[in-house]
Amino acid sequence: MTAYRVTVHRTGDWWAWEVPDLPGAFSQVKRLDQAGEAARAAIAVMLGAAIEDVEVGVESGLPGEAVQARNAVGRADKAAKGARWAARQAMYRRTTDRSTGGALGYGYVPVP
């Protein structure tokens, strides 16, 4: 199994990655933590190999703490979007409840 070096740098809202040893192996991802898997998949397709047989090392040029912080921000953003969705669903259930409480404006929202 050959290990491939993947270099990553920020371009606007995206992370551009490339494999210097494989011309034509480049793309971009929205989050830094997605670069390794995207590169592995592309390399596997280019070489006609199974993705499990491809090993990569991602070099971002950022200190480890910055990478961890960036990934944490991405996870927090995803959690916030999920919370907003859950709040919208709860409000929808409240406004569409046909019980007496719903008629009075006190919709029933079951607590999981």
PDB file of N, CA and C in Angstrom:
ATOM      1  N   MET A   1       0.841  -1.172   0.000  1.00  0.00           N
ATOM      2  CA  MET A   1       0.000   0.000   0.000  1.00  0.00           C
ATOM      3  C   MET A   1       0.891   1.241   0.000  1.00  0.00           C
ATOM      4  N   THR A   2       0.598   2.162  -0.911  1.00  0.00           N
ATOM      5  CA  THR A   2       1.343   3.404  -0.991  1.00  0.00           C
ATOM      6  C   THR A   2       0.561   4.504  -0.289  1.00  0.00           C
ATOM      7  N   ALA A   3       1.254   5.285   0.485  1.00  0.00           N
ATOM      8  CA  ALA A   3       0.622   6.425   1.150  1.00  0.00           C
ATOM      9  C   ALA A   3       0.837   7.666   0.286  1.00  0.00           C
ATOM     10  N   TYR A   4      -0.202   8.450   0.128  1.00  0.00           N
ATOM     11  CA  TYR A   4      -0.137   9.660  -0.686  1.00  0.00           C
ATOM     12  C   TYR A   4      -0.260  10.888   0.205  1.00  0.00           C
ATOM     13  N   ARG A   5       0.524  11.892  -0.122  1.00  0.00           N
ATOM     14  CA  ARG A   5       0.490  13.157   0.606  1.00  0.00           C
ATOM     15  C   ARG A   5      -0.565  14.044  -0.046  1.00  0.00           C
ATOM     16  N   VAL A   6      -1.459  14.578   0.783  1.00  0.00           N
ATOM     17  CA  VAL A   6      -2.519  15.472   0.315  1.00  0.00           C
ATOM     18  C   VAL A   6      -2.278  16.841   0.937  1.00  0.00           C
ATOM     19  N   THR A   7      -2.145  17.862   0.100  1.00  0.00           N
ATOM     20  CA  THR A   7      -1.966  19.216   0.618  1.00  0.00           C
ATOM     21  C   THR A   7      -3.298  19.951   0.523  1.00  0.00           C
ATOM     22  N   VAL A   8      -3.577  20.740   1.537  1.00  0.00           N
ATOM     23  CA  VAL A   8      -4.857  21.436   1.634  1.00  0.00           C
ATOM     24  C   VAL A   8      -4.606  22.906   1.943  1.00  0.00           C
ATOM     25  N   HIS A   9      -5.373  23.780   1.287  1.00  0.00           N
ATOM     26  CA  HIS A   9      -5.316  25.206   1.614  1.00  0.00           C
ATOM     27  C   HIS A   9      -6.702  25.823   1.448  1.00  0.00           C
ATOM     28  N   ARG A  10      -6.921  26.903   2.141  1.00  0.00           N
ATOM     29  CA  ARG A  10      -8.214  27.584   2.149  1.00  0.00           C
ATOM     30  C   ARG A  10      -8.352  28.453   0.900  1.00  0.00           C
ATOM     31  N   THR A  11      -9.510  28.358   0.238  1.00  0.00           N
ATOM     32  CA  THR A  11      -9.836  29.224  -0.891  1.00  0.00           C
ATOM     33  C   THR A  11     -11.270  29.701  -0.720  1.00  0.00           C
ATOM     34  N   GLY A  12     -11.436  30.896  -0.194  1.00  0.00           N
ATOM     35  CA  GLY A  12     -12.784  31.420   0.064  1.00  0.00           C
ATOM     36  C   GLY A  12     -13.473  30.603   1.139  1.00  0.00           C
ATOM     37  N   ASP A  13     -14.650  30.075   0.802  1.00  0.00           N
ATOM     38  CA  ASP A  13     -15.409  29.262   1.755  1.00  0.00           C
ATOM     39  C   ASP A  13     -15.069  27.782   1.652  1.00  0.00           C
ATOM     40  N   TRP A  14     -14.135  27.423   0.819  1.00  0.00           N
ATOM     41  CA  TRP A  14     -13.823  26.016   0.550  1.00  0.00           C
ATOM     42  C   TRP A  14     -12.395  25.687   0.941  1.00  0.00           C
ATOM     43  N   TRP A  15     -12.126  24.377   1.076  1.00  0.00           N
ATOM     44  CA  TRP A  15     -10.773  23.867   1.279  1.00  0.00           C
ATOM     45  C   TRP A  15     -10.386  23.133   0.001  1.00  0.00           C
ATOM     46  N   ALA A  16      -9.381  23.636  -0.682  1.00  0.00           N
ATOM     47  CA  ALA A  16      -8.890  22.991  -1.907  1.00  0.00           C
ATOM     48  C   ALA A  16      -7.816  21.982  -1.520  1.00  0.00           C
ATOM     49  N   TRP A  17      -7.901  20.792  -2.098  1.00  0.00           N
ATOM     50  CA  TRP A  17      -6.886  19.775  -1.818  1.00  0.00           C
ATOM     51  C   TRP A  17      -6.322  19.267  -3.135  1.00  0.00           C
ATOM     52  N   GLU A  18      -5.097  18.775  -3.054  1.00  0.00           N
ATOM     53  CA  GLU A  18      -4.463  18.163  -4.219  1.00  0.00           C
ATOM     54  C   GLU A  18      -3.463  17.113  -3.764  1.00  0.00           C
ATOM     55  N   VAL A  19      -3.184  16.188  -4.669  1.00  0.00           N
ATOM     56  CA  VAL A  19      -2.194  15.143  -4.417  1.00  0.00           C
ATOM     57  C   VAL A  19      -1.021  15.439  -5.348  1.00  0.00           C
ATOM     58  N   PRO A  20       0.061  16.007  -4.828  1.00  0.00           N
ATOM     59  CA  PRO A  20       1.181  16.401  -5.688  1.00  0.00           C
ATOM     60  C   PRO A  20       1.759  15.256  -6.522  1.00  0.00           C
ATOM     61  N   ASP A  21       1.709  14.014  -6.013  1.00  0.00           N
ATOM     62  CA  ASP A  21       2.293  12.889  -6.741  1.00  0.00           C
ATOM     63  C   ASP A  21       1.376  12.318  -7.821  1.00  0.00           C
ATOM     64  N   LEU A  22       0.123  12.781  -7.880  1.00  0.00           N
ATOM     65  CA  LEU A  22      -0.827  12.304  -8.890  1.00  0.00           C
ATOM     66  C   LEU A  22      -1.425  13.500  -9.629  1.00  0.00           C
ATOM     67  N   PRO A  23      -0.845  13.874 -10.764  1.00  0.00           N
ATOM     68  CA  PRO A  23      -1.391  14.998 -11.524  1.00  0.00           C
ATOM     69  C   PRO A  23      -2.869  14.760 -11.852  1.00  0.00           C
ATOM     70  N   GLY A  24      -3.669  15.769 -11.625  1.00  0.00           N
ATOM     71  CA  GLY A  24      -5.098  15.654 -11.887  1.00  0.00           C
ATOM     72  C   GLY A  24      -5.914  15.257 -10.678  1.00  0.00           C
ATOM     73  N   ALA A  25      -5.252  14.923  -9.585  1.00  0.00           N
ATOM     74  CA  ALA A  25      -5.974  14.560  -8.363  1.00  0.00           C
ATOM     75  C   ALA A  25      -6.106  15.805  -7.503  1.00  0.00           C
ATOM     76  N   PHE A  26      -7.205  16.515  -7.682  1.00  0.00           N
ATOM     77  CA  PHE A  26      -7.473  17.712  -6.897  1.00  0.00           C
ATOM     78  C   PHE A  26      -8.972  17.978  -6.893  1.00  0.00           C
ATOM     79  N   SER A  27      -9.412  18.676  -5.888  1.00  0.00           N
ATOM     80  CA  SER A  27     -10.813  19.061  -5.787  1.00  0.00           C
ATOM     81  C   SER A  27     -10.947  20.004  -4.601  1.00  0.00           C
ATOM     82  N   GLN A  28     -12.157  20.165  -4.107  1.00  0.00           N
ATOM     83  CA  GLN A  28     -12.375  20.994  -2.935  1.00  0.00           C
ATOM     84  C   GLN A  28     -13.495  20.414  -2.087  1.00  0.00           C
ATOM     85  N   VAL A  29     -13.460  20.748  -0.812  1.00  0.00           N
ATOM     86  CA  VAL A  29     -14.461  20.280   0.143  1.00  0.00           C
ATOM     87  C   VAL A  29     -14.885  21.460   1.005  1.00  0.00           C
ATOM     88  N   LYS A  30     -16.032  21.341   1.615  1.00  0.00           N
ATOM     89  CA  LYS A  30     -16.550  22.428   2.444  1.00  0.00           C
ATOM     90  C   LYS A  30     -15.858  22.486   3.806  1.00  0.00           C
ATOM     91  N   ARG A  31     -15.528  21.325   4.368  1.00  0.00           N
ATOM     92  CA  ARG A  31     -14.889  21.276   5.677  1.00  0.00           C
ATOM     93  C   ARG A  31     -13.535  20.579   5.571  1.00  0.00           C
ATOM     94  N   LEU A  32     -12.592  21.049   6.332  1.00  0.00           N
ATOM     95  CA  LEU A  32     -11.241  20.502   6.318  1.00  0.00           C
ATOM     96  C   LEU A  32     -11.223  19.019   6.640  1.00  0.00           C
ATOM     97  N   ASP A  33     -12.078  18.585   7.574  1.00  0.00           N
ATOM     98  CA  ASP A  33     -12.066  17.177   7.963  1.00  0.00           C
ATOM     99  C   ASP A  33     -12.584  16.251   6.863  1.00  0.00           C
ATOM    100  N   GLN A  34     -13.110  16.789   5.768  1.00  0.00           N
ATOM    101  CA  GLN A  34     -13.591  15.985   4.646  1.00  0.00           C
ATOM    102  C   GLN A  34     -12.511  15.737   3.586  1.00  0.00           C
ATOM    103  N   ALA A  35     -11.411  16.449   3.667  1.00  0.00           N
ATOM    104  CA  ALA A  35     -10.381  16.385   2.627  1.00  0.00           C
ATOM    105  C   ALA A  35      -9.761  15.001   2.484  1.00  0.00           C
ATOM    106  N   GLY A  36      -9.459  14.352   3.585  1.00  0.00           N
ATOM    107  CA  GLY A  36      -8.815  13.037   3.532  1.00  0.00           C
ATOM    108  C   GLY A  36      -9.668  12.001   2.822  1.00  0.00           C
ATOM    109  N   GLU A  37     -10.946  11.924   3.186  1.00  0.00           N
ATOM    110  CA  GLU A  37     -11.839  10.942   2.555  1.00  0.00           C
ATOM    111  C   GLU A  37     -12.069  11.255   1.088  1.00  0.00           C
ATOM    112  N   ALA A  38     -12.221  12.525   0.767  1.00  0.00           N
ATOM    113  CA  ALA A  38     -12.421  12.912  -0.637  1.00  0.00           C
ATOM    114  C   ALA A  38     -11.197  12.533  -1.470  1.00  0.00           C
ATOM    115  N   ALA A  39     -10.019  12.790  -0.928  1.00  0.00           N
ATOM    116  CA  ALA A  39      -8.787  12.448  -1.640  1.00  0.00           C
ATOM    117  C   ALA A  39      -8.645  10.940  -1.803  1.00  0.00           C
ATOM    118  N   ARG A  40      -8.944  10.192  -0.747  1.00  0.00           N
ATOM    119  CA  ARG A  40      -8.865   8.720  -0.829  1.00  0.00           C
ATOM    120  C   ARG A  40      -9.776   8.190  -1.928  1.00  0.00           C
ATOM    121  N   ALA A  41     -11.001   8.716  -1.987  1.00  0.00           N
ATOM    122  CA  ALA A  41     -11.954   8.257  -2.999  1.00  0.00           C
ATOM    123  C   ALA A  41     -11.456   8.588  -4.405  1.00  0.00           C
ATOM    124  N   ALA A  42     -10.947   9.787  -4.588  1.00  0.00           N
ATOM    125  CA  ALA A  42     -10.450  10.186  -5.913  1.00  0.00           C
ATOM    126  C   ALA A  42      -9.241   9.346  -6.330  1.00  0.00           C
ATOM    127  N   ILE A  43      -8.329   9.120  -5.409  1.00  0.00           N
ATOM    128  CA  ILE A  43      -7.146   8.314  -5.717  1.00  0.00           C
ATOM    129  C   ILE A  43      -7.553   6.891  -6.075  1.00  0.00           C
ATOM    130  N   ALA A  44      -8.487   6.341  -5.324  1.00  0.00           N
ATOM    131  CA  ALA A  44      -8.948   4.978  -5.607  1.00  0.00           C
ATOM    132  C   ALA A  44      -9.535   4.888  -7.011  1.00  0.00           C
ATOM    133  N   VAL A  45     -10.330   5.864  -7.412  1.00  0.00           N
ATOM    134  CA  VAL A  45     -10.916   5.858  -8.759  1.00  0.00           C
ATOM    135  C   VAL A  45      -9.828   5.991  -9.813  1.00  0.00           C
ATOM    136  N   MET A  46      -8.888   6.897  -9.595  1.00  0.00           N
ATOM    137  CA  MET A  46      -7.815   7.114 -10.580  1.00  0.00           C
ATOM    138  C   MET A  46      -6.950   5.870 -10.765  1.00  0.00           C
ATOM    139  N   LEU A  47      -6.722   5.143  -9.668  1.00  0.00           N
ATOM    140  CA  LEU A  47      -5.842   3.971  -9.746  1.00  0.00           C
ATOM    141  C   LEU A  47      -6.606   2.673  -9.972  1.00  0.00           C
ATOM    142  N   GLY A  48      -7.925   2.733  -9.922  1.00  0.00           N
ATOM    143  CA  GLY A  48      -8.718   1.517 -10.056  1.00  0.00           C
ATOM    144  C   GLY A  48      -8.535   0.586  -8.866  1.00  0.00           C
ATOM    145  N   ALA A  49      -8.365   1.165  -7.708  1.00  0.00           N
ATOM    146  CA  ALA A  49      -8.123   0.387  -6.481  1.00  0.00           C
ATOM    147  C   ALA A  49      -9.314   0.529  -5.535  1.00  0.00           C
ATOM    148  N   ALA A  50      -9.351  -0.339  -4.547  1.00  0.00           N
ATOM    149  CA  ALA A  50     -10.375  -0.224  -3.510  1.00  0.00           C
ATOM    150  C   ALA A  50      -9.989   0.919  -2.580  1.00  0.00           C
ATOM    151  N   ILE A  51     -10.983   1.657  -2.108  1.00  0.00           N
ATOM    152  CA  ILE A  51     -10.701   2.803  -1.244  1.00  0.00           C
ATOM    153  C   ILE A  51      -9.977   2.374   0.032  1.00  0.00           C
ATOM    154  N   GLU A  52     -10.236   1.146   0.486  1.00  0.00           N
ATOM    155  CA  GLU A  52      -9.569   0.648   1.692  1.00  0.00           C
ATOM    156  C   GLU A  52      -8.073   0.466   1.477  1.00  0.00           C
ATOM    157  N   ASP A  53      -7.646   0.360   0.225  1.00  0.00           N
ATOM    158  CA  ASP A  53      -6.239   0.156  -0.086  1.00  0.00           C
ATOM    159  C   ASP A  53      -5.471   1.462  -0.261  1.00  0.00           C
ATOM    160  N   VAL A  54      -6.143   2.583  -0.095  1.00  0.00           N
ATOM    161  CA  VAL A  54      -5.509   3.888  -0.288  1.00  0.00           C
ATOM    162  C   VAL A  54      -5.301   4.542   1.069  1.00  0.00           C
ATOM    163  N   GLU A  55      -4.090   4.989   1.303  1.00  0.00           N
ATOM    164  CA  GLU A  55      -3.750   5.670   2.548  1.00  0.00           C
ATOM    165  C   GLU A  55      -3.295   7.081   2.213  1.00  0.00           C
ATOM    166  N   VAL A  56      -3.762   8.062   2.987  1.00  0.00           N
ATOM    167  CA  VAL A  56      -3.374   9.446   2.739  1.00  0.00           C
ATOM    168  C   VAL A  56      -2.914  10.107   4.025  1.00  0.00           C
ATOM    169  N   GLY A  57      -2.069  11.094   3.852  1.00  0.00           N
ATOM    170  CA  GLY A  57      -1.653  11.966   4.945  1.00  0.00           C
ATOM    171  C   GLY A  57      -1.982  13.390   4.542  1.00  0.00           C
ATOM    172  N   VAL A  58      -2.818  14.066   5.307  1.00  0.00           N
ATOM    173  CA  VAL A  58      -3.273  15.418   4.973  1.00  0.00           C
ATOM    174  C   VAL A  58      -2.381  16.442   5.644  1.00  0.00           C
ATOM    175  N   GLU A  59      -1.879  17.377   4.844  1.00  0.00           N
ATOM    176  CA  GLU A  59      -1.042  18.473   5.337  1.00  0.00           C
ATOM    177  C   GLU A  59      -1.770  19.776   5.052  1.00  0.00           C
ATOM    178  N   SER A  60      -2.202  20.457   6.111  1.00  0.00           N
ATOM    179  CA  SER A  60      -2.965  21.677   5.903  1.00  0.00           C
ATOM    180  C   SER A  60      -2.147  22.945   6.081  1.00  0.00           C
ATOM    181  N   GLY A  61      -0.998  22.834   6.680  1.00  0.00           N
ATOM    182  CA  GLY A  61      -0.216  24.031   6.941  1.00  0.00           C
ATOM    183  C   GLY A  61      -0.728  24.798   8.153  1.00  0.00           C
ATOM    184  N   LEU A  62      -1.762  24.267   8.803  1.00  0.00           N
ATOM    185  CA  LEU A  62      -2.287  24.901  10.008  1.00  0.00           C
ATOM    186  C   LEU A  62      -1.806  24.140  11.233  1.00  0.00           C
ATOM    187  N   PRO A  63      -1.592  24.824  12.346  1.00  0.00           N
ATOM    188  CA  PRO A  63      -1.243  24.108  13.573  1.00  0.00           C
ATOM    189  C   PRO A  63      -2.390  23.188  13.981  1.00  0.00           C
ATOM    190  N   GLY A  64      -2.070  22.115  14.670  1.00  0.00           N
ATOM    191  CA  GLY A  64      -3.074  21.142  15.079  1.00  0.00           C
ATOM    192  C   GLY A  64      -4.240  21.746  15.833  1.00  0.00           C
ATOM    193  N   GLU A  65      -3.961  22.734  16.699  1.00  0.00           N
ATOM    194  CA  GLU A  65      -5.031  23.364  17.467  1.00  0.00           C
ATOM    195  C   GLU A  65      -5.989  24.110  16.550  1.00  0.00           C
ATOM    196  N   ALA A  66      -5.474  24.741  15.517  1.00  0.00           N
ATOM    197  CA  ALA A  66      -6.332  25.478  14.581  1.00  0.00           C
ATOM    198  C   ALA A  66      -7.231  24.519  13.812  1.00  0.00           C
ATOM    199  N   VAL A  67      -6.699  23.379  13.427  1.00  0.00           N
ATOM    200  CA  VAL A  67      -7.498  22.372  12.724  1.00  0.00           C
ATOM    201  C   VAL A  67      -8.612  21.862  13.633  1.00  0.00           C
ATOM    202  N   GLN A  68      -8.276  21.560  14.887  1.00  0.00           N
ATOM    203  CA  GLN A  68      -9.282  21.080  15.832  1.00  0.00           C
ATOM    204  C   GLN A  68     -10.346  22.142  16.072  1.00  0.00           C
ATOM    205  N   ALA A  69      -9.943  23.383  16.187  1.00  0.00           N
ATOM    206  CA  ALA A  69     -10.903  24.468  16.405  1.00  0.00           C
ATOM    207  C   ALA A  69     -11.819  24.619  15.194  1.00  0.00           C
ATOM    208  N   ARG A  70     -11.255  24.545  14.016  1.00  0.00           N
ATOM    209  CA  ARG A  70     -12.052  24.670  12.789  1.00  0.00           C
ATOM    210  C   ARG A  70     -13.074  23.535  12.714  1.00  0.00           C
ATOM    211  N   ASN A  71     -12.669  22.324  13.030  1.00  0.00           N
ATOM    212  CA  ASN A  71     -13.586  21.186  13.012  1.00  0.00           C
ATOM    213  C   ASN A  71     -14.676  21.348  14.069  1.00  0.00           C
ATOM    214  N   ALA A  72     -14.310  21.869  15.241  1.00  0.00           N
ATOM    215  CA  ALA A  72     -15.290  22.083  16.306  1.00  0.00           C
ATOM    216  C   ALA A  72     -16.326  23.120  15.889  1.00  0.00           C
ATOM    217  N   VAL A  73     -15.898  24.155  15.196  1.00  0.00           N
ATOM    218  CA  VAL A  73     -16.833  25.168  14.712  1.00  0.00           C
ATOM    219  C   VAL A  73     -17.810  24.543  13.718  1.00  0.00           C
ATOM    220  N   GLY A  74     -17.316  23.680  12.853  1.00  0.00           N
ATOM    221  CA  GLY A  74     -18.189  23.000  11.894  1.00  0.00           C
ATOM    222  C   GLY A  74     -19.219  22.127  12.591  1.00  0.00           C
ATOM    223  N   ARG A  75     -18.790  21.395  13.608  1.00  0.00           N
ATOM    224  CA  ARG A  75     -19.727  20.547  14.360  1.00  0.00           C
ATOM    225  C   ARG A  75     -20.747  21.391  15.102  1.00  0.00           C
ATOM    226  N   ALA A  76     -20.317  22.510  15.681  1.00  0.00           N
ATOM    227  CA  ALA A  76     -21.234  23.389  16.410  1.00  0.00           C
ATOM    228  C   ALA A  76     -22.263  23.995  15.461  1.00  0.00           C
ATOM    229  N   ASP A  77     -21.834  24.368  14.270  1.00  0.00           N
ATOM    230  CA  ASP A  77     -22.757  24.924  13.282  1.00  0.00           C
ATOM    231  C   ASP A  77     -23.809  23.889  12.887  1.00  0.00           C
ATOM    232  N   LYS A  78     -23.372  22.658  12.699  1.00  0.00           N
ATOM    233  CA  LYS A  78     -24.305  21.583  12.348  1.00  0.00           C
ATOM    234  C   LYS A  78     -25.305  21.342  13.481  1.00  0.00           C
ATOM    235  N   ALA A  79     -24.835  21.369  14.732  1.00  0.00           N
ATOM    236  CA  ALA A  79     -25.728  21.185  15.878  1.00  0.00           C
ATOM    237  C   ALA A  79     -26.727  22.330  15.984  1.00  0.00           C
ATOM    238  N   ALA A  80     -26.285  23.559  15.718  1.00  0.00           N
ATOM    239  CA  ALA A  80     -27.181  24.719  15.774  1.00  0.00           C
ATOM    240  C   ALA A  80     -28.269  24.606  14.708  1.00  0.00           C
ATOM    241  N   LYS A  81     -27.908  24.143  13.517  1.00  0.00           N
ATOM    242  CA  LYS A  81     -28.906  23.960  12.458  1.00  0.00           C
ATOM    243  C   LYS A  81     -29.930  22.910  12.870  1.00  0.00           C
ATOM    244  N   GLY A  82     -29.467  21.842  13.506  1.00  0.00           N
ATOM    245  CA  GLY A  82     -30.377  20.806  13.990  1.00  0.00           C
ATOM    246  C   GLY A  82     -31.313  21.338  15.063  1.00  0.00           C
ATOM    247  N   ALA A  83     -30.795  22.182  15.945  1.00  0.00           N
ATOM    248  CA  ALA A  83     -31.624  22.770  17.001  1.00  0.00           C
ATOM    249  C   ALA A  83     -32.675  23.698  16.402  1.00  0.00           C
ATOM    250  N   ARG A  84     -32.303  24.479  15.395  1.00  0.00           N
ATOM    251  CA  ARG A  84     -33.274  25.363  14.744  1.00  0.00           C
ATOM    252  C   ARG A  84     -34.370  24.548  14.076  1.00  0.00           C
ATOM    253  N   TRP A  85     -33.995  23.446  13.440  1.00  0.00           N
ATOM    254  CA  TRP A  85     -34.983  22.576  12.792  1.00  0.00           C
ATOM    255  C   TRP A  85     -35.938  21.999  13.830  1.00  0.00           C
ATOM    256  N   ALA A  86     -35.405  21.532  14.949  1.00  0.00           N
ATOM    257  CA  ALA A  86     -36.249  20.957  16.004  1.00  0.00           C
ATOM    258  C   ALA A  86     -37.206  22.009  16.563  1.00  0.00           C
ATOM    259  N   ALA A  87     -36.747  23.238  16.740  1.00  0.00           N
ATOM    260  CA  ALA A  87     -37.612  24.308  17.239  1.00  0.00           C
ATOM    261  C   ALA A  87     -38.730  24.606  16.252  1.00  0.00           C
ATOM    262  N   ARG A  88     -38.407  24.625  14.958  1.00  0.00           N
ATOM    263  CA  ARG A  88     -39.452  24.850  13.944  1.00  0.00           C
ATOM    264  C   ARG A  88     -40.482  23.736  13.976  1.00  0.00           C
ATOM    265  N   GLN A  89     -40.020  22.492  14.116  1.00  0.00           N
ATOM    266  CA  GLN A  89     -40.948  21.365  14.173  1.00  0.00           C
ATOM    267  C   GLN A  89     -41.846  21.458  15.400  1.00  0.00           C
ATOM    268  N   ALA A  90     -41.283  21.849  16.544  1.00  0.00           N
ATOM    269  CA  ALA A  90     -42.075  21.985  17.766  1.00  0.00           C
ATOM    270  C   ALA A  90     -43.129  23.079  17.609  1.00  0.00           C
ATOM    271  N   MET A  91     -42.752  24.192  17.003  1.00  0.00           N
ATOM    272  CA  MET A  91     -43.719  25.272  16.793  1.00  0.00           C
ATOM    273  C   MET A  91     -44.809  24.835  15.822  1.00  0.00           C
ATOM    274  N   TYR A  92     -44.439  24.083  14.812  1.00  0.00           N
ATOM    275  CA  TYR A  92     -45.438  23.590  13.860  1.00  0.00           C
ATOM    276  C   TYR A  92     -46.432  22.680  14.576  1.00  0.00           C
ATOM    277  N   ARG A  93     -45.928  21.756  15.388  1.00  0.00           N
ATOM    278  CA  ARG A  93     -46.827  20.858  16.121  1.00  0.00           C
ATOM    279  C   ARG A  93     -47.738  21.660  17.039  1.00  0.00           C
ATOM    280  N   ARG A  94     -47.201  22.690  17.650  1.00  0.00           N
ATOM    281  CA  ARG A  94     -47.998  23.505  18.568  1.00  0.00           C
ATOM    282  C   ARG A  94     -49.113  24.230  17.824  1.00  0.00           C
ATOM    283  N   THR A  95     -48.832  24.765  16.667  1.00  0.00           N
ATOM    284  CA  THR A  95     -49.835  25.547  15.944  1.00  0.00           C
ATOM    285  C   THR A  95     -50.825  24.675  15.194  1.00  0.00           C
ATOM    286  N   THR A  96     -50.547  23.399  15.005  1.00  0.00           N
ATOM    287  CA  THR A  96     -51.471  22.529  14.284  1.00  0.00           C
ATOM    288  C   THR A  96     -52.215  21.567  15.196  1.00  0.00           C
ATOM    289  N   ASP A  97     -52.007  21.664  16.516  1.00  0.00           N
ATOM    290  CA  ASP A  97     -52.681  20.782  17.469  1.00  0.00           C
ATOM    291  C   ASP A  97     -54.169  21.136  17.523  1.00  0.00           C
ATOM    292  N   ARG A  98     -55.030  20.117  17.440  1.00  0.00           N
ATOM    293  CA  ARG A  98     -56.477  20.359  17.432  1.00  0.00           C
ATOM    294  C   ARG A  98     -57.125  20.138  18.792  1.00  0.00           C
ATOM    295  N   SER A  99     -56.327  19.912  19.812  1.00  0.00           N
ATOM    296  CA  SER A  99     -56.883  19.695  21.150  1.00  0.00           C
ATOM    297  C   SER A  99     -57.411  21.010  21.707  1.00  0.00           C
ATOM    298  N   THR A 100     -58.037  20.952  22.863  1.00  0.00           N
ATOM    299  CA  THR A 100     -58.557  22.152  23.515  1.00  0.00           C
ATOM    300  C   THR A 100     -57.438  23.151  23.758  1.00  0.00           C
ATOM    301  N   GLY A 101     -56.293  22.635  24.193  1.00  0.00           N
ATOM    302  CA  GLY A 101     -55.156  23.530  24.416  1.00  0.00           C
ATOM    303  C   GLY A 101     -54.732  24.226  23.140  1.00  0.00           C
ATOM    304  N   GLY A 102     -54.798  23.510  22.023  1.00  0.00           N
ATOM    305  CA  GLY A 102     -54.447  24.124  20.750  1.00  0.00           C
ATOM    306  C   GLY A 102     -55.425  25.216  20.378  1.00  0.00           C
ATOM    307  N   ALA A 103     -56.713  24.992  20.640  1.00  0.00           N
ATOM    308  CA  ALA A 103     -57.726  25.991  20.324  1.00  0.00           C
ATOM    309  C   ALA A 103     -57.526  27.251  21.163  1.00  0.00           C
ATOM    310  N   LEU A 104     -57.005  27.078  22.379  1.00  0.00           N
ATOM    311  CA  LEU A 104     -56.782  28.220  23.261  1.00  0.00           C
ATOM    312  C   LEU A 104     -55.399  28.852  23.075  1.00  0.00           C
ATOM    313  N   GLY A 105     -54.632  28.284  22.176  1.00  0.00           N
ATOM    314  CA  GLY A 105     -53.292  28.832  21.955  1.00  0.00           C
ATOM    315  C   GLY A 105     -52.207  28.185  22.796  1.00  0.00           C
ATOM    316  N   TYR A 106     -52.565  27.109  23.494  1.00  0.00           N
ATOM    317  CA  TYR A 106     -51.585  26.385  24.303  1.00  0.00           C
ATOM    318  C   TYR A 106     -51.404  24.999  23.715  1.00  0.00           C
ATOM    319  N   GLY A 107     -50.800  24.941  22.569  1.00  0.00           N
ATOM    320  CA  GLY A 107     -50.651  23.662  21.885  1.00  0.00           C
ATOM    321  C   GLY A 107     -49.886  22.656  22.702  1.00  0.00           C
ATOM    322  N   TYR A 108     -50.215  21.401  22.529  1.00  0.00           N
ATOM    323  CA  TYR A 108     -49.545  20.314  23.232  1.00  0.00           C
ATOM    324  C   TYR A 108     -48.344  19.874  22.428  1.00  0.00           C
ATOM    325  N   VAL A 109     -47.180  19.924  23.038  1.00  0.00           N
ATOM    326  CA  VAL A 109     -45.946  19.466  22.404  1.00  0.00           C
ATOM    327  C   VAL A 109     -45.386  18.379  23.297  1.00  0.00           C
ATOM    328  N   PRO A 110     -45.455  17.115  22.865  1.00  0.00           N
ATOM    329  CA  PRO A 110     -44.939  16.034  23.705  1.00  0.00           C
ATOM    330  C   PRO A 110     -43.433  16.187  23.905  1.00  0.00           C
ATOM    331  N   VAL A 111     -43.005  15.933  25.113  1.00  0.00           N
ATOM    332  CA  VAL A 111     -41.589  16.006  25.440  1.00  0.00           C
ATOM    333  C   VAL A 111     -41.006  14.611  25.305  1.00  0.00           C
ATOM    334  N   PRO A 112     -39.986  14.451  24.467  1.00  0.00           N
ATOM    335  CA  PRO A 112     -39.414  13.100  24.274  1.00  0.00           C
ATOM    336  C   PRO A 112     -38.728  12.580  25.522  1.00  0.00           C
TER     337      PRO A 112
END
